[in-house]
C-alpha atoms as a PDB file:
ATOM      1  CA  MET A   1      16.329  20.624 -15.235  1.00  0.00           C
ATOM      2  CA  LYS A   2      12.883  19.476 -13.827  1.00  0.00           C
ATOM      3  CA  THR A   3      11.305  17.488 -16.621  1.00  0.00           C
ATOM      4  CA  GLN A   4       7.350  15.793 -15.665  1.00  0.00           C
ATOM      5  CA  LYS A   5       7.180  12.101 -16.136  1.00  0.00           C
ATOM      6  CA  THR A   6       5.093  10.943 -18.401  1.00  0.00           C
ATOM      7  CA  VAL A   7       2.323   8.075 -18.374  1.00  0.00           C
ATOM      8  CA  GLN A   8       2.705   5.049 -19.030  1.00  0.00           C
ATOM      9  CA  HIS A   9      -0.490   2.630 -18.335  1.00  0.00           C
ATOM     10  CA  LYS A  10      -3.425   4.631 -17.655  1.00  0.00           C
ATOM     11  CA  VAL A  11      -6.243   1.498 -15.288  1.00  0.00           C
ATOM     12  CA  ALA A  12      -9.540   1.257 -13.798  1.00  0.00           C
ATOM     13  CA  SER A  13      -9.553  -0.895 -10.200  1.00  0.00           C
ATOM     14  CA  PRO A  14     -12.036  -3.557 -11.086  1.00  0.00           C
ATOM     15  CA  LEU A  15     -13.669  -5.745  -8.014  1.00  0.00           C
ATOM     16  CA  VAL A  16     -12.612  -9.195  -7.380  1.00  0.00           C
ATOM     17  CA  ASN A  17     -13.364 -11.996  -5.122  1.00  0.00           C
ATOM     18  CA  MET A  18     -11.481 -12.684  -2.394  1.00  0.00           C
ATOM     19  CA  GLY A  19     -12.994 -15.345  -0.382  1.00  0.00           C
ATOM     20  CA  PRO A  20     -16.144 -13.883   1.811  1.00  0.00           C
ATOM     21  CA  ILE A  21     -15.295 -10.243   0.408  1.00  0.00           C
ATOM     22  CA  LYS A  22     -15.038  -7.598  -3.144  1.00  0.00           C
ATOM     23  CA  LEU A  23     -11.976  -5.614  -3.293  1.00  0.00           C
ATOM     24  CA  ARG A  24     -10.672  -3.646  -6.131  1.00  0.00           C
ATOM     25  CA  GLN A  25      -7.452  -4.577  -7.858  1.00  0.00           C
ATOM     26  CA  PRO A  26      -5.918  -2.419  -9.482  1.00  0.00           C
ATOM     27  CA  LEU A  27      -2.437  -4.126  -9.657  1.00  0.00           C
ATOM     28  CA  PRO A  28      -1.676  -6.573 -10.973  1.00  0.00           C
ATOM     29  CA  ILE A  29      -4.054  -6.087 -13.574  1.00  0.00           C
ATOM     30  CA  GLN A  30      -4.010  -6.886 -17.438  1.00  0.00           C
ATOM     31  CA  GLY A  31      -0.677  -5.237 -19.107  1.00  0.00           C
ATOM     32  CA  ILE A  32       0.576  -4.658 -15.836  1.00  0.00           C
ATOM     33  CA  GLU A  33       2.423  -7.299 -13.668  1.00  0.00           C
ATOM     34  CA  ASN A  34       3.585  -5.264 -11.288  1.00  0.00           C
ATOM     35  CA  VAL A  35       5.437  -1.791 -10.622  1.00  0.00           C
ATOM     36  CA  ASP A  36       8.855  -2.930  -9.102  1.00  0.00           C
ATOM     37  CA  PRO A  37       9.462  -2.852  -6.655  1.00  0.00           C
ATOM     38  CA  PHE A  38       5.378  -2.657  -5.726  1.00  0.00           C
ATOM     39  CA  LEU A  39       3.836  -6.322  -6.694  1.00  0.00           C
ATOM     40  CA  LEU A  40       0.068  -6.186  -5.591  1.00  0.00           C
ATOM     41  CA  LEU A  41      -2.240  -3.062  -4.665  1.00  0.00           C
ATOM     42  CA  HIS A  42      -5.545  -4.190  -2.465  1.00  0.00           C
ATOM     43  CA  HIS A  43      -7.904  -1.233  -2.154  1.00  0.00           C
ATOM     44  CA  TYR A  44     -10.731  -2.945   0.528  1.00  0.00           C
ATOM     45  CA  GLY A  45     -14.142  -1.368   1.136  1.00  0.00           C
ATOM     46  CA  PRO A  46     -15.558   1.163   2.292  1.00  0.00           C
ATOM     47  CA  TYR A  47     -16.802  -1.615   3.606  1.00  0.00           C
ATOM     48  CA  ALA A  48     -20.506  -0.941   6.652  1.00  0.00           C
ATOM     49  CA  ILE A  49     -18.959  -3.374   9.291  1.00  0.00           C
ATOM     50  CA  SER A  50     -21.824  -4.530  12.067  1.00  0.00           C
ATOM     51  CA  GLU A  51     -22.257  -7.224  14.348  1.00  0.00           C
ATOM     52  CA  PHE A  52     -24.282  -8.962  11.609  1.00  0.00           C
ATOM     53  CA  ASN A  53     -21.392  -7.819   8.928  1.00  0.00           C
ATOM     54  CA  ASN A  54     -18.350  -7.991   9.486  1.00  0.00           C
ATOM     55  CA  PRO A  55     -16.381 -10.136   6.171  1.00  0.00           C
ATOM     56  CA  PHE A  56     -13.013  -8.959   6.622  1.00  0.00           C
ATOM     57  CA  ASP A  57     -11.753 -10.749   9.061  1.00  0.00           C
ATOM     58  CA  LEU A  58      -8.464 -12.155   8.475  1.00  0.00           C
ATOM     59  CA  GLY A  59      -7.588 -14.810  10.560  1.00  0.00           C
ATOM     60  CA  PRO A  60      -4.082 -16.128  11.559  1.00  0.00           C
ATOM     61  CA  HIS A  61      -1.707 -16.331   8.149  1.00  0.00           C
ATOM     62  CA  PRO A  62       2.092 -16.524   6.817  1.00  0.00           C
ATOM     63  CA  HIS A  63       4.569 -14.241   4.908  1.00  0.00           C
ATOM     64  CA  ARG A  64       7.648 -14.892   3.820  1.00  0.00           C
ATOM     65  CA  GLY A  65       9.779 -12.669   1.258  1.00  0.00           C
ATOM     66  CA  PHE A  66       8.347  -9.481   0.665  1.00  0.00           C
ATOM     67  CA  GLU A  67       6.282  -6.446   3.126  1.00  0.00           C
ATOM     68  CA  PRO A  68       2.927  -6.098   3.191  1.00  0.00           C
ATOM     69  CA  ILE A  69       1.913  -2.847   4.371  1.00  0.00           C
ATOM     70  CA  THR A  70      -1.441  -1.743   5.343  1.00  0.00           C
ATOM     71  CA  LEU A  71      -3.108   1.687   4.802  1.00  0.00           C
ATOM     72  CA  LEU A  72      -5.931   2.616   6.969  1.00  0.00           C
ATOM     73  CA  PHE A  73      -8.425   5.065   5.760  1.00  0.00           C
ATOM     74  CA  LYS A  74     -11.834   4.793   7.744  1.00  0.00           C
ATOM     75  CA  GLY A  75     -12.491   2.663  10.791  1.00  0.00           C
ATOM     76  CA  GLU A  76      -9.896   0.343  12.810  1.00  0.00           C
ATOM     77  CA  GLN A  77      -8.717  -2.773  12.995  1.00  0.00           C
ATOM     78  CA  LEU A  78      -6.714  -5.294  15.433  1.00  0.00           C
ATOM     79  CA  HIS A  79      -3.250  -6.537  13.748  1.00  0.00           C
ATOM     80  CA  ARG A  80      -1.805  -9.654  15.631  1.00  0.00           C
ATOM     81  CA  ASP A  81       1.533 -11.213  14.549  1.00  0.00           C
ATOM     82  CA  SER A  82       3.961 -14.094  15.706  1.00  0.00           C
ATOM     83  CA  LEU A  83       6.436 -11.561  16.916  1.00  0.00           C
ATOM     84  CA  GLY A  84       3.894 -10.910  19.785  1.00  0.00           C
ATOM     85  CA  ASN A  85       2.744  -7.585  18.694  1.00  0.00           C
ATOM     86  CA  GLU A  86      -0.944  -6.556  19.440  1.00  0.00           C
ATOM     87  CA  MET A  87      -1.838  -3.502  17.966  1.00  0.00           C
ATOM     88  CA  VAL A  88      -4.741  -1.315  16.377  1.00  0.00           C
ATOM     89  CA  VAL A  89      -4.416   1.301  13.929  1.00  0.00           C
ATOM     90  CA  LYS A  90      -6.738   3.509  13.525  1.00  0.00           C
ATOM     91  CA  ALA A  91      -8.076   5.795  10.374  1.00  0.00           C
ATOM     92  CA  GLY A  92      -5.203   7.570   9.180  1.00  0.00           C
ATOM     93  CA  GLY A  93      -2.418   5.109  10.660  1.00  0.00           C
ATOM     94  CA  VAL A  94      -0.468   2.601   8.975  1.00  0.00           C
ATOM     95  CA  GLN A  95       1.088  -1.091   9.707  1.00  0.00           C
ATOM     96  CA  TRP A  96       4.687  -1.830   7.548  1.00  0.00           C
ATOM     97  CA  THR A  97       5.305  -5.571   7.741  1.00  0.00           C
ATOM     98  CA  THR A  98       8.620  -7.239   6.741  1.00  0.00           C
ATOM     99  CA  ALA A  99       7.979 -10.493   6.094  1.00  0.00           C
ATOM    100  CA  GLY A 100      11.505 -11.130   5.852  1.00  0.00           C
ATOM    101  CA  ARG A 101      12.183 -14.650   6.627  1.00  0.00           C
ATOM    102  CA  GLY A 102       8.107 -15.449   7.977  1.00  0.00           C
ATOM    103  CA  ILE A 103       5.826 -14.154  10.306  1.00  0.00           C
ATOM    104  CA  ILE A 104       2.010 -15.228  10.358  1.00  0.00           C
ATOM    105  CA  HIS A 105      -0.117 -12.488  11.112  1.00  0.00           C
ATOM    106  CA  ALA A 106      -4.027 -11.948  11.681  1.00  0.00           C
ATOM    107  CA  GLU A 107      -6.267  -8.681  10.781  1.00  0.00           C
ATOM    108  CA  ALA A 108      -9.648  -7.696  11.965  1.00  0.00           C
ATOM    109  CA  PRO A 109     -11.629  -4.808  12.781  1.00  0.00           C
ATOM    110  CA  THR A 110     -11.518  -4.295  16.733  1.00  0.00           C
ATOM    111  CA  LYS A 111     -14.577  -5.768  18.940  1.00  0.00           C
ATOM    112  CA  GLU A 112     -15.186  -2.328  19.455  1.00  0.00           C
ATOM    113  CA  PHE A 113     -15.455  -0.719  16.327  1.00  0.00           C
ATOM    114  CA  VAL A 114     -17.542  -3.564  15.004  1.00  0.00           C
ATOM    115  CA  LYS A 115     -20.035  -3.414  18.168  1.00  0.00           C
ATOM    116  CA  LYS A 116     -21.108   0.608  17.014  1.00  0.00           C
ATOM    117  CA  GLY A 117     -20.455   0.059  13.387  1.00  0.00           C
ATOM    118  CA  GLY A 118     -18.775   1.966  10.567  1.00  0.00           C
ATOM    119  CA  GLU A 119     -17.304   2.185   7.852  1.00  0.00           C
ATOM    120  CA  LEU A 120     -14.095  -0.236   6.941  1.00  0.00           C
ATOM    121  CA  GLU A 121     -11.486   1.645   4.405  1.00  0.00           C
ATOM    122  CA  GLY A 122      -8.023   0.778   3.645  1.00  0.00           C
ATOM    123  CA  ILE A 123      -4.893  -0.315   1.325  1.00  0.00           C
ATOM    124  CA  GLN A 124      -2.534  -3.404   0.992  1.00  0.00           C
ATOM    125  CA  LEU A 125       0.232  -2.950  -0.651  1.00  0.00           C
ATOM    126  CA  TRP A 126       3.095  -5.705  -1.223  1.00  0.00           C
ATOM    127  CA  LEU A 127       6.276  -4.151  -1.769  1.00  0.00           C
ATOM    128  CA  ASN A 128       8.880  -6.511  -3.105  1.00  0.00           C
ATOM    129  CA  LEU A 129      12.458  -7.364  -1.104  1.00  0.00           C
ATOM    130  CA  PRO A 130      15.374  -8.065  -3.104  1.00  0.00           C
ATOM    131  CA  ALA A 131      16.797 -11.885  -2.749  1.00  0.00           C
ATOM    132  CA  LYS A 132      19.591 -10.568  -0.330  1.00  0.00           C
ATOM    133  CA  ASP A 133      16.966  -9.326   2.025  1.00  0.00           C
ATOM    134  CA  LYS A 134      14.173 -12.359   2.011  1.00  0.00           C
ATOM    135  CA  MET A 135      15.256 -13.999   4.570  1.00  0.00           C
ATOM    136  CA  ILE A 136      16.158 -11.029   7.138  1.00  0.00           C
ATOM    137  CA  PRO A 137      14.330 -11.254  11.203  1.00  0.00           C
ATOM    138  CA  PRO A 138      10.685 -10.238  10.690  1.00  0.00           C
ATOM    139  CA  ASN A 139      10.028  -6.923  11.949  1.00  0.00           C
ATOM    140  CA  TYR A 140       6.924  -4.860  12.645  1.00  0.00           C
ATOM    141  CA  GLN A 141       6.525  -0.920  12.529  1.00  0.00           C
ATOM    142  CA  HIS A 142       3.303   0.680  13.334  1.00  0.00           C
ATOM    143  CA  LEU A 143       2.345   4.613  12.765  1.00  0.00           C
ATOM    144  CA  GLU A 144      -0.678   6.714  14.196  1.00  0.00           C
ATOM    145  CA  ASP A 145      -1.611   9.589  12.032  1.00  0.00           C
ATOM    146  CA  GLU A 146      -0.354  11.946  14.212  1.00  0.00           C
ATOM    147  CA  GLN A 147       3.442  10.276  13.373  1.00  0.00           C
ATOM    148  CA  ILE A 148       3.220  10.871  10.476  1.00  0.00           C
ATOM    149  CA  PRO A 149       4.728  14.216   8.759  1.00  0.00           C
ATOM    150  CA  LYS A 150       2.735  16.470   6.538  1.00  0.00           C
ATOM    151  CA  VAL A 151       3.355  18.472   3.635  1.00  0.00           C
ATOM    152  CA  PHE A 152       1.075  21.287   2.598  1.00  0.00           C
ATOM    153  CA  SER A 153       0.681  22.259  -1.569  1.00  0.00           C
ATOM    154  CA  GLU A 154       1.371  26.186  -2.091  1.00  0.00           C
ATOM    155  CA  ASP A 155      -2.397  26.577  -2.194  1.00  0.00           C
ATOM    156  CA  LYS A 156      -2.756  24.575   1.219  1.00  0.00           C
ATOM    157  CA  LYS A 157      -5.751  22.847  -0.677  1.00  0.00           C
ATOM    158  CA  VAL A 158      -3.767  19.698  -0.609  1.00  0.00           C
ATOM    159  CA  GLN A 159      -1.760  17.573   1.920  1.00  0.00           C
ATOM    160  CA  LEU A 160       0.604  15.140   1.790  1.00  0.00           C
ATOM    161  CA  ASN A 161       1.335  12.671   4.424  1.00  0.00           C
ATOM    162  CA  ILE A 162       4.777  11.245   4.650  1.00  0.00           C
ATOM    163  CA  VAL A 163       4.758   7.297   5.533  1.00  0.00           C
ATOM    164  CA  ALA A 164       8.141   6.628   4.241  1.00  0.00           C
ATOM    165  CA  GLY A 165      10.737   7.637   2.154  1.00  0.00           C
ATOM    166  CA  THR A 166      11.266  12.003   1.874  1.00  0.00           C
ATOM    167  CA  GLN A 167       9.360  15.072   0.084  1.00  0.00           C
ATOM    168  CA  SER A 168      10.286  18.734   0.313  1.00  0.00           C
ATOM    169  CA  GLY A 169      12.597  18.542   3.195  1.00  0.00           C
ATOM    170  CA  GLU A 170      10.226  15.898   5.062  1.00  0.00           C
ATOM    171  CA  ASN A 171      11.209  12.451   5.634  1.00  0.00           C
ATOM    172  CA  GLY A 172       8.767   9.485   6.888  1.00  0.00           C
ATOM    173  CA  LEU A 173       9.079   7.607   9.654  1.00  0.00           C
ATOM    174  CA  ILE A 174       8.962   4.068   8.379  1.00  0.00           C
ATOM    175  CA  LYS A 175      12.959   2.536   8.184  1.00  0.00           C
ATOM    176  CA  THR A 176      12.601   0.931   4.346  1.00  0.00           C
ATOM    177  CA  GLN A 177      15.030  -1.709   3.096  1.00  0.00           C
ATOM    178  CA  THR A 178      14.870  -0.334  -0.690  1.00  0.00           C
ATOM    179  CA  GLU A 179      14.353   2.981  -1.806  1.00  0.00           C
ATOM    180  CA  VAL A 180      10.809   3.875  -1.794  1.00  0.00           C
ATOM    181  CA  ASN A 181       8.256   7.014  -1.165  1.00  0.00           C
ATOM    182  CA  VAL A 182       5.051   5.885  -0.051  1.00  0.00           C
ATOM    183  CA  PHE A 183       2.534   8.784   0.868  1.00  0.00           C
ATOM    184  CA  THR A 184      -1.139   9.407   0.509  1.00  0.00           C
ATOM    185  CA  ALA A 185      -3.131  12.944   0.326  1.00  0.00           C
ATOM    186  CA  ILE A 186      -5.971  14.304   1.338  1.00  0.00           C
ATOM    187  CA  ALA A 187      -6.863  17.391  -1.887  1.00  0.00           C
ATOM    188  CA  GLN A 188      -9.433  19.760  -1.584  1.00  0.00           C
ATOM    189  CA  GLU A 189     -11.462  20.721  -4.520  1.00  0.00           C
ATOM    190  CA  ASN A 190      -8.881  22.622  -6.432  1.00  0.00           C
ATOM    191  CA  GLY A 191      -5.838  21.862  -4.906  1.00  0.00           C
ATOM    192  CA  HIS A 192      -2.517  21.744  -7.031  1.00  0.00           C
ATOM    193  CA  ILE A 193       0.418  20.086  -6.242  1.00  0.00           C
ATOM    194  CA  LYS A 194       3.815  19.213  -7.657  1.00  0.00           C
ATOM    195  CA  ILE A 195       5.874  15.961  -6.065  1.00  0.00           C
ATOM    196  CA  GLU A 196       9.332  15.571  -7.308  1.00  0.00           C
ATOM    197  CA  PHE A 197      10.587  11.578  -7.124  1.00  0.00           C
ATOM    198  CA  PRO A 198      14.044  10.537  -9.034  1.00  0.00           C
ATOM    199  CA  GLU A 199      13.924   9.321 -12.472  1.00  0.00           C
ATOM    200  CA  ASN A 200      15.429   6.360 -12.027  1.00  0.00           C
ATOM    201  CA  HIS A 201      11.508   5.242  -9.223  1.00  0.00           C
ATOM    202  CA  GLN A 202       8.839   3.197 -11.020  1.00  0.00           C
ATOM    203  CA  SER A 203       6.091   5.249  -9.228  1.00  0.00           C
ATOM    204  CA  LEU A 204       1.985   5.389  -9.777  1.00  0.00           C
ATOM    205  CA  ILE A 205      -0.587   7.368  -8.533  1.00  0.00           C
ATOM    206  CA  TYR A 206      -3.647   5.756  -7.017  1.00  0.00           C
ATOM    207  CA  LEU A 207      -7.230   7.092  -6.850  1.00  0.00           C
ATOM    208  CA  LEU A 208      -9.490   5.905  -3.921  1.00  0.00           C
ATOM    209  CA  GLU A 209     -12.485   8.919  -3.738  1.00  0.00           C
ATOM    210  CA  GLY A 210     -13.151  12.003  -6.089  1.00  0.00           C
ATOM    211  CA  GLU A 211     -11.391  13.051  -9.230  1.00  0.00           C
ATOM    212  CA  ILE A 212      -8.394  14.298  -9.825  1.00  0.00           C
ATOM    213  CA  LEU A 213      -6.211  15.735 -13.335  1.00  0.00           C
ATOM    214  CA  VAL A 214      -2.334  14.314 -14.121  1.00  0.00           C
ATOM    215  CA  ASN A 215       0.079  15.841 -15.531  1.00  0.00           C
ATOM    216  CA  ASN A 216      -2.640  18.536 -17.358  1.00  0.00           C
ATOM    217  CA  SER A 217      -3.859  15.667 -19.811  1.00  0.00           C
ATOM    218  CA  GLU A 218      -5.404  12.475 -18.078  1.00  0.00           C
ATOM    219  CA  VAL A 219      -7.950  12.611 -15.995  1.00  0.00           C
ATOM    220  CA  LEU A 220      -8.897   9.664 -12.782  1.00  0.00           C
ATOM    221  CA  LYS A 221     -12.269   9.423 -11.692  1.00  0.00           C
ATOM    222  CA  LYS A 222     -13.780   7.201  -8.947  1.00  0.00           C
ATOM    223  CA  GLY A 223     -15.644   4.218 -10.531  1.00  0.00           C
ATOM    224  CA  GLU A 224     -13.471   4.619 -13.916  1.00  0.00           C
ATOM    225  CA  ASN A 225      -9.792   5.017 -14.504  1.00  0.00           C
ATOM    226  CA  GLN A 226      -8.464   5.298 -10.862  1.00  0.00           C
ATOM    227  CA  MET A 227      -4.883   4.227 -11.038  1.00  0.00           C
ATOM    228  CA  ILE A 228      -1.735   6.046 -13.474  1.00  0.00           C
ATOM    229  CA  THR A 229       1.514   4.702 -13.851  1.00  0.00           C
ATOM    230  CA  PHE A 230       4.873   6.670 -14.527  1.00  0.00           C
ATOM    231  CA  ASN A 231       7.838   5.992 -17.011  1.00  0.00           C
ATOM    232  CA  GLN A 232      11.059   6.014 -15.734  1.00  0.00           C
ATOM    233  CA  ASP A 233      11.657   9.727 -17.132  1.00  0.00           C
ATOM    234  CA  GLY A 234      11.089  13.010 -15.696  1.00  0.00           C
ATOM    235  CA  ASN A 235      11.430  14.077 -12.199  1.00  0.00           C
ATOM    236  CA  PHE A 236       8.252  15.240 -11.164  1.00  0.00           C
ATOM    237  CA  ILE A 237       4.675  14.752 -11.327  1.00  0.00           C
ATOM    238  CA  GLU A 238       1.409  17.129 -10.831  1.00  0.00           C
ATOM    239  CA  PHE A 239      -1.910  16.789 -10.138  1.00  0.00           C
ATOM    240  CA  GLU A 240      -4.771  19.160  -9.635  1.00  0.00           C
ATOM    241  CA  SER A 241      -7.903  17.718  -8.142  1.00  0.00           C
ATOM    242  CA  LYS A 242     -11.979  18.314  -9.247  1.00  0.00           C
ATOM    243  CA  LYS A 243     -13.552  17.462  -6.629  1.00  0.00           C
ATOM    244  CA  GLN A 244     -12.529  16.466  -2.300  1.00  0.00           C
ATOM    245  CA  SER A 245     -10.101  13.400  -3.679  1.00  0.00           C
ATOM    246  CA  ASN A 246      -7.948  11.016  -1.329  1.00  0.00           C
ATOM    247  CA  LEU A 247      -5.021   9.094  -2.701  1.00  0.00           C
ATOM    248  CA  LEU A 248      -1.880   7.243  -2.507  1.00  0.00           C
ATOM    249  CA  ILE A 249       1.574   7.735  -4.484  1.00  0.00           C
ATOM    250  CA  LEU A 250       3.597   5.265  -4.925  1.00  0.00           C
ATOM    251  CA  SER A 251       7.433   5.237  -6.029  1.00  0.00           C
ATOM    252  CA  GLY A 252      10.517   2.852  -5.902  1.00  0.00           C
ATOM    253  CA  ALA A 253      13.719   1.619  -6.752  1.00  0.00           C
ATOM    254  CA  PRO A 254      13.322  -1.228  -9.014  1.00  0.00           C
ATOM    255  CA  ILE A 255      15.126  -4.049  -7.977  1.00  0.00           C
ATOM    256  CA  LYS A 256      15.094  -6.042 -10.930  1.00  0.00           C
ATOM    257  CA  GLU A 257      15.056  -9.706 -10.122  1.00  0.00           C
ATOM    258  CA  LYS A 258      12.759 -12.707 -10.732  1.00  0.00           C
ATOM    259  CA  VAL A 259       9.536 -12.838  -9.214  1.00  0.00           C
ATOM    260  CA  THR A 260       8.234 -16.377  -7.967  1.00  0.00           C
ATOM    261  CA  GLN A 261       5.069 -16.354  -5.965  1.00  0.00           C
ATOM    262  CA  TYR A 262       2.944 -18.870  -4.399  1.00  0.00           C
ATOM    263  CA  GLY A 263      -0.304 -17.299  -1.950  1.00  0.00           C
ATOM    264  CA  PRO A 264       0.904 -15.558   0.473  1.00  0.00           C
ATOM    265  CA  TYR A 265       4.998 -16.210  -0.043  1.00  0.00           C
ATOM    266  CA  VAL A 266       7.120 -13.945  -2.828  1.00  0.00           C
ATOM    267  CA  MET A 267      10.765 -15.554  -3.642  1.00  0.00           C
ATOM    268  CA  ASN A 268      13.103 -15.656  -6.431  1.00  0.00           C
ATOM    269  CA  THR A 269      12.478 -19.794  -7.126  1.00  0.00           C
ATOM    270  CA  GLN A 270      10.686 -21.994  -7.352  1.00  0.00           C
ATOM    271  CA  THR A 271      12.770 -24.307  -4.717  1.00  0.00           C
ATOM    272  CA  GLU A 272      12.305 -21.318  -2.344  1.00  0.00           C
ATOM    273  CA  ILE A 273       8.580 -21.035  -2.408  1.00  0.00           C
ATOM    274  CA  LEU A 274       8.573 -25.150  -1.561  1.00  0.00           C
ATOM    275  CA  GLU A 275      11.006 -24.012   1.450  1.00  0.00           C
ATOM    276  CA  ALA A 276       8.308 -21.327   2.266  1.00  0.00           C
ATOM    277  CA  MET A 277       5.710 -23.579   2.742  1.00  0.00           C
ATOM    278  CA  ARG A 278       7.556 -26.714   4.497  1.00  0.00           C
ATOM    279  CA  ASP A 279       9.589 -23.498   7.178  1.00  0.00           C
ATOM    280  CA  PHE A 280       5.709 -22.542   7.422  1.00  0.00           C
ATOM    281  CA  GLN A 281       4.265 -26.044   8.324  1.00  0.00           C
ATOM    282  CA  GLN A 282       7.062 -27.024  10.678  1.00  0.00           C
ATOM    283  CA  GLY A 283       6.561 -24.015  13.031  1.00  0.00           C
ATOM    284  CA  LYS A 284       9.480 -21.967  11.839  1.00  0.00           C
ATOM    285  CA  MET A 285       7.912 -18.611  10.932  1.00  0.00           C
ATOM    286  CA  GLY A 286       6.478 -18.763  14.967  1.00  0.00           C
ATOM    287  CA  HIS A 287       2.672 -19.419  16.178  1.00  0.00           C
ATOM    288  CA  LEU A 288      -0.602 -17.345  16.488  1.00  0.00           C
ATOM    289  CA  TYR A 289      -3.205 -18.570  18.190  1.00  0.00           C
END
């Protein structure tokens, strides 16, 4: 029997300072440490990028023990990493980095984009890896918008982009280490869609832009509450858009392991964090200049 997942938390998406930039951080937030296996959600932009204003230039930095994922909604970014990858991700595209035992990467708007100017907006998502996979070889996957399978609501007013996981018989092309669904959605006014998730999954819906009614009861609106997390019950969620809206929809099988995090490293123990710092200093995560 199909039953609706019940709402667990409804939260705003407050602005936080990250060095020279301000971005929205709905996860973690007071009362929600994580939505296991998702550890962090940063919504950056829209920033007006130009030769006079380019705050989002992240130089080379390391990661270990999880998967940093970028979903780009506006603009374009250049990704470079210690595996030798150099890719431009454009609006609608995704870069999925599996840090594993260690990777160094850098992200910044492309020189061409800075020169012509425009808006940059995206989501940075941290997806945990189970202890058994934390030291796997690092990997990088890149999808352009046209490579991402699309599913449409019955009324054709909601486009669901299947980045990873499965929905309505369509499978995302990202190879994942754990059981997760990562979808983005573009909803026209009065669009309605039902999305099915396994009952055991932790799940959330995040609104980047617009206004929606979730499960016929809860409203998400830009600048007010922007994220809802759901209980591990039921096997679907649904929403109706009150105006043109952009969304991120996530679900995953919880890993249920202790998380020890320090800066760009996500491990299970303090000792493993110290090892990560030492390995980075000794050049064991590779090099990027």
